[in-house]
Amino acid sequence: MVHNRESQDETSSTNSSQIVGWLVVIAAVVSVFAMMNHPTGHGHGALNVIVHGSMLTVLFVWMLGYASMSLHLGMQKPLVLGGLIAYFLGSLAHMMAATTNGFVAPAMVAHGGNLVGHDILILCWEFNQKLAMLGVYGTGMAFVLFSIHLLLSVGWSKHLLGALGLLAGIAPVGILIANGSAMNVHTALIVYSFHAMWTILIGITLIRARCRINT
């Protein structure tokens, strides 16, 4: 009886991981399309809301995905726990950046019209830029920590996933630094494409999970 219950719990856990994996993959695809249609300026009404609302949803789903992956890898392990904390902090910064640029600044323009000073909009832009930069650094640190754990694990598939994770974590930081830390739409598309690439692989890993990634 106990064995059957454990078997049912294991099956339920696997099914949940597969569902989360599919959500993560779909969200990754949505993120690329959203960034490809990212508006410039504070106008564009519905498009602005759709793009930034989509990215906020994507970030939430990705947080769920990386939390699920961390449970499989072993949340008690320092590299995994550190990676998850760094990822959550990076995602929070990305969410605040998207909220500032996608909702706060346009709302100020809509309510204030010509009364909103240029210096206020510059302040919103600087908040967006610094938060986005912090998000890239936080996510990069998370990917590096997760990847080191995978590289120290047994199995070529984990080593390959870890190597690609290092690329997805370090390359965006290097691109951002090379661009003078300016997170414009073009740079953001490249950065988030790297993030989406590795996140898709994480989603596929969760979909294919039979029990635990670290077994």
Protein backbone atom coordinates (compact mmCIF):
# COMPACT_ATOMS: atom_id res chain seq x y z
CA MET A 1 0.00 0.00 0.00
CA VAL A 2 2.83 2.35 0.92
CA HIS A 3 4.68 1.38 -2.25
CA ASN A 4 1.64 2.19 -4.38
CA ARG A 5 1.25 5.57 -2.70
CA GLU A 6 4.92 6.39 -3.29
CA SER A 7 4.56 5.30 -6.91
CA GLN A 8 1.51 7.55 -7.33
CA ASP A 9 3.34 10.48 -5.74
CA GLU A 10 6.32 9.93 -8.06
CA THR A 11 4.03 9.78 -11.11
CA SER A 12 2.21 12.92 -10.00
CA SER A 13 5.54 14.74 -9.52
CA THR A 14 6.71 13.69 -12.97
CA ASN A 15 3.45 14.81 -14.59
CA SER A 16 3.67 18.17 -12.81
CA SER A 17 7.24 18.64 -14.04
CA GLN A 18 6.16 17.89 -17.59
CA ILE A 19 3.35 20.44 -17.41
CA VAL A 20 5.71 23.07 -16.03
CA GLY A 21 8.24 22.15 -18.73
CA TRP A 22 5.73 22.77 -21.51
CA LEU A 23 4.70 26.08 -19.96
CA VAL A 24 8.35 27.13 -19.76
CA VAL A 25 8.99 26.28 -23.42
CA ILE A 26 5.87 28.12 -24.58
CA ALA A 27 6.79 31.13 -22.45
CA ALA A 28 10.29 31.18 -23.96
CA VAL A 29 8.86 31.32 -27.49
CA VAL A 30 6.44 34.07 -26.41
CA SER A 31 9.32 36.09 -24.94
CA VAL A 32 11.17 36.20 -28.26
CA PHE A 33 8.05 37.24 -30.19
CA ALA A 34 7.25 39.87 -27.55
CA MET A 35 10.73 41.40 -27.76
CA MET A 36 10.60 41.37 -31.56
CA ASN A 37 7.48 43.55 -31.33
CA HIS A 38 8.69 45.71 -28.44
CA PRO A 39 7.53 49.30 -29.03
CA THR A 40 9.84 52.30 -28.70
CA GLY A 41 8.83 55.40 -26.79
CA HIS A 42 5.94 55.67 -24.34
CA GLY A 43 3.07 55.42 -26.77
CA HIS A 44 1.66 52.51 -28.77
CA GLY A 45 -1.21 51.92 -26.30
CA ALA A 46 -2.45 48.35 -26.56
CA LEU A 47 0.78 47.01 -28.08
CA ASN A 48 2.77 48.39 -25.17
CA VAL A 49 0.45 46.71 -22.65
CA ILE A 50 0.47 43.40 -24.54
CA VAL A 51 4.26 43.26 -24.88
CA HIS A 52 5.11 44.21 -21.29
CA GLY A 53 2.21 42.21 -19.85
CA SER A 54 3.42 39.19 -21.81
CA MET A 55 6.96 39.61 -20.51
CA LEU A 56 5.75 39.84 -16.91
CA THR A 57 3.80 36.61 -17.42
CA VAL A 58 6.82 34.97 -19.06
CA LEU A 59 9.02 35.88 -16.11
CA PHE A 60 6.53 34.39 -13.67
CA VAL A 61 6.37 31.12 -15.63
CA TRP A 62 10.16 30.99 -15.87
CA MET A 63 10.45 31.47 -12.11
CA LEU A 64 8.12 28.51 -11.69
CA GLY A 65 10.24 26.50 -14.11
CA TYR A 66 13.55 27.24 -12.39
CA ALA A 67 12.01 26.53 -8.99
CA SER A 68 10.84 23.16 -10.32
CA MET A 69 14.27 22.45 -11.76
CA SER A 70 15.88 23.37 -8.43
CA LEU A 71 13.67 20.90 -6.61
CA HIS A 72 14.80 18.16 -8.99
CA LEU A 73 18.47 19.11 -8.69
CA GLY A 74 18.30 19.29 -4.91
CA MET A 75 17.30 22.56 -3.28
CA GLN A 76 19.55 21.85 -0.29
CA LYS A 77 22.70 22.04 -2.44
CA PRO A 78 24.46 25.44 -2.14
CA LEU A 79 25.01 26.01 -5.88
CA VAL A 80 21.38 25.18 -6.68
CA LEU A 81 19.95 27.28 -3.85
CA GLY A 82 22.27 30.16 -4.70
CA GLY A 83 21.29 29.91 -8.35
CA LEU A 84 17.59 30.01 -7.52
CA ILE A 85 17.98 33.03 -5.22
CA ALA A 86 20.01 34.87 -7.87
CA TYR A 87 17.42 34.00 -10.51
CA PHE A 88 14.53 35.25 -8.38
CA LEU A 89 16.36 38.52 -7.67
CA GLY A 90 17.20 38.95 -11.35
CA SER A 91 13.61 38.23 -12.35
CA LEU A 92 12.30 40.71 -9.80
CA ALA A 93 14.57 43.38 -11.29
CA HIS A 94 13.34 42.51 -14.80
CA MET A 95 9.73 42.73 -13.60
CA MET A 96 10.32 46.15 -12.04
CA ALA A 97 12.03 47.34 -15.23
CA ALA A 98 9.12 46.14 -17.38
CA THR A 99 6.61 47.76 -15.02
CA THR A 100 8.48 51.07 -15.06
CA ASN A 101 8.91 51.30 -18.82
CA GLY A 102 5.71 49.54 -19.81
CA PHE A 103 3.18 50.94 -17.38
CA VAL A 104 4.46 53.68 -15.06
CA ALA A 105 6.02 56.01 -17.65
CA PRO A 106 3.14 55.69 -20.19
CA ALA A 107 0.60 56.27 -17.40
CA MET A 108 2.42 59.44 -16.33
CA VAL A 109 2.38 60.71 -19.91
CA ALA A 110 -1.30 59.82 -20.30
CA HIS A 111 -2.35 61.56 -17.08
CA GLY A 112 0.00 64.51 -17.21
CA GLY A 113 0.22 65.16 -20.91
CA ASN A 114 2.63 68.01 -21.55
CA LEU A 115 2.81 68.70 -17.81
CA VAL A 116 5.17 65.77 -17.26
CA GLY A 117 8.68 67.15 -17.31
CA HIS A 118 11.40 65.64 -19.46
CA ASP A 119 13.49 65.09 -16.34
CA ILE A 120 10.78 62.81 -14.89
CA LEU A 121 10.78 60.66 -18.02
CA ILE A 122 14.58 60.53 -17.92
CA LEU A 123 14.33 59.34 -14.31
CA CYS A 124 11.91 56.57 -15.37
CA TRP A 125 14.27 55.60 -18.19
CA GLU A 126 17.26 55.44 -15.86
CA PHE A 127 15.29 53.27 -13.41
CA ASN A 128 14.38 50.98 -16.30
CA GLN A 129 17.96 50.75 -17.52
CA LYS A 130 19.53 50.06 -14.14
CA LEU A 131 16.88 47.51 -13.19
CA ALA A 132 17.23 45.75 -16.54
CA MET A 133 21.01 45.71 -16.12
CA LEU A 134 20.63 44.26 -12.61
CA GLY A 135 18.26 41.66 -14.05
CA VAL A 136 20.82 40.57 -16.64
CA TYR A 137 23.57 40.30 -14.02
CA GLY A 138 21.32 38.40 -11.61
CA THR A 139 20.13 35.98 -14.28
CA GLY A 140 23.69 35.53 -15.51
CA MET A 141 24.89 34.69 -12.02
CA ALA A 142 22.02 32.21 -11.62
CA PHE A 143 22.83 30.45 -14.89
CA VAL A 144 26.50 30.21 -13.94
CA LEU A 145 25.73 28.70 -10.53
CA PHE A 146 23.24 26.21 -11.98
CA SER A 147 25.72 25.33 -14.71
CA ILE A 148 28.61 24.72 -12.33
CA HIS A 149 26.40 22.31 -10.41
CA LEU A 150 25.52 20.50 -13.64
CA LEU A 151 29.15 20.36 -14.75
CA LEU A 152 30.11 18.81 -11.42
CA SER A 153 27.38 16.18 -11.80
CA VAL A 154 27.71 12.84 -13.56
CA GLY A 155 26.56 12.43 -17.16
CA TRP A 156 27.41 13.98 -20.52
CA SER A 157 23.90 15.42 -20.97
CA LYS A 158 24.26 17.41 -17.74
CA HIS A 159 27.71 18.57 -18.81
CA LEU A 160 26.35 19.74 -22.16
CA LEU A 161 23.45 21.51 -20.46
CA GLY A 162 25.89 23.12 -18.03
CA ALA A 163 28.20 24.30 -20.81
CA LEU A 164 25.31 25.90 -22.69
CA GLY A 165 24.13 27.44 -19.43
CA LEU A 166 27.52 29.11 -18.97
CA LEU A 167 27.21 30.56 -22.47
CA ALA A 168 23.66 31.77 -21.82
CA GLY A 169 24.72 33.36 -18.55
CA ILE A 170 28.02 34.97 -19.51
CA ALA A 171 27.36 36.07 -23.13
CA PRO A 172 24.49 38.49 -22.31
CA VAL A 173 26.59 40.15 -19.60
CA GLY A 174 29.45 40.55 -22.06
CA ILE A 175 27.11 41.97 -24.71
CA LEU A 176 25.66 44.44 -22.21
CA ILE A 177 29.11 45.61 -21.12
CA ALA A 178 30.25 45.93 -24.75
CA ASN A 179 27.19 48.06 -25.45
CA GLY A 180 28.08 50.45 -22.65
CA SER A 181 25.44 48.94 -20.33
CA ALA A 182 22.71 50.42 -22.55
CA MET A 183 19.72 48.08 -22.62
CA ASN A 184 18.04 49.25 -25.82
CA VAL A 185 15.46 47.16 -27.66
CA HIS A 186 18.02 45.55 -30.00
CA THR A 187 20.34 44.59 -27.14
CA ALA A 188 17.41 43.32 -25.05
CA LEU A 189 16.28 41.07 -27.92
CA ILE A 190 19.72 39.47 -28.12
CA VAL A 191 20.05 39.13 -24.34
CA TYR A 192 16.60 37.62 -23.83
CA SER A 193 17.13 35.29 -26.79
CA PHE A 194 20.12 33.80 -24.96
CA HIS A 195 18.01 33.46 -21.83
CA ALA A 196 15.17 31.89 -23.81
CA MET A 197 17.56 29.43 -25.47
CA TRP A 198 18.74 27.89 -22.22
CA THR A 199 15.30 28.12 -20.63
CA ILE A 200 13.88 26.07 -23.50
CA LEU A 201 16.50 23.40 -22.75
CA ILE A 202 15.47 23.48 -19.08
CA GLY A 203 11.85 23.10 -20.12
CA ILE A 204 12.70 20.13 -22.32
CA THR A 205 14.64 18.59 -19.44
CA LEU A 206 11.59 18.94 -17.19
CA ILE A 207 9.33 17.45 -19.88
CA ARG A 208 11.63 14.43 -20.20
CA ALA A 209 12.08 14.04 -16.43
CA ARG A 210 11.23 10.55 -15.23
CA CYS A 211 12.08 11.02 -11.58
CA ARG A 212 14.95 13.30 -10.66
CA ILE A 213 17.49 15.10 -12.79
CA ASN A 214 20.24 14.35 -10.30
CA THR A 215 19.72 10.58 -10.13
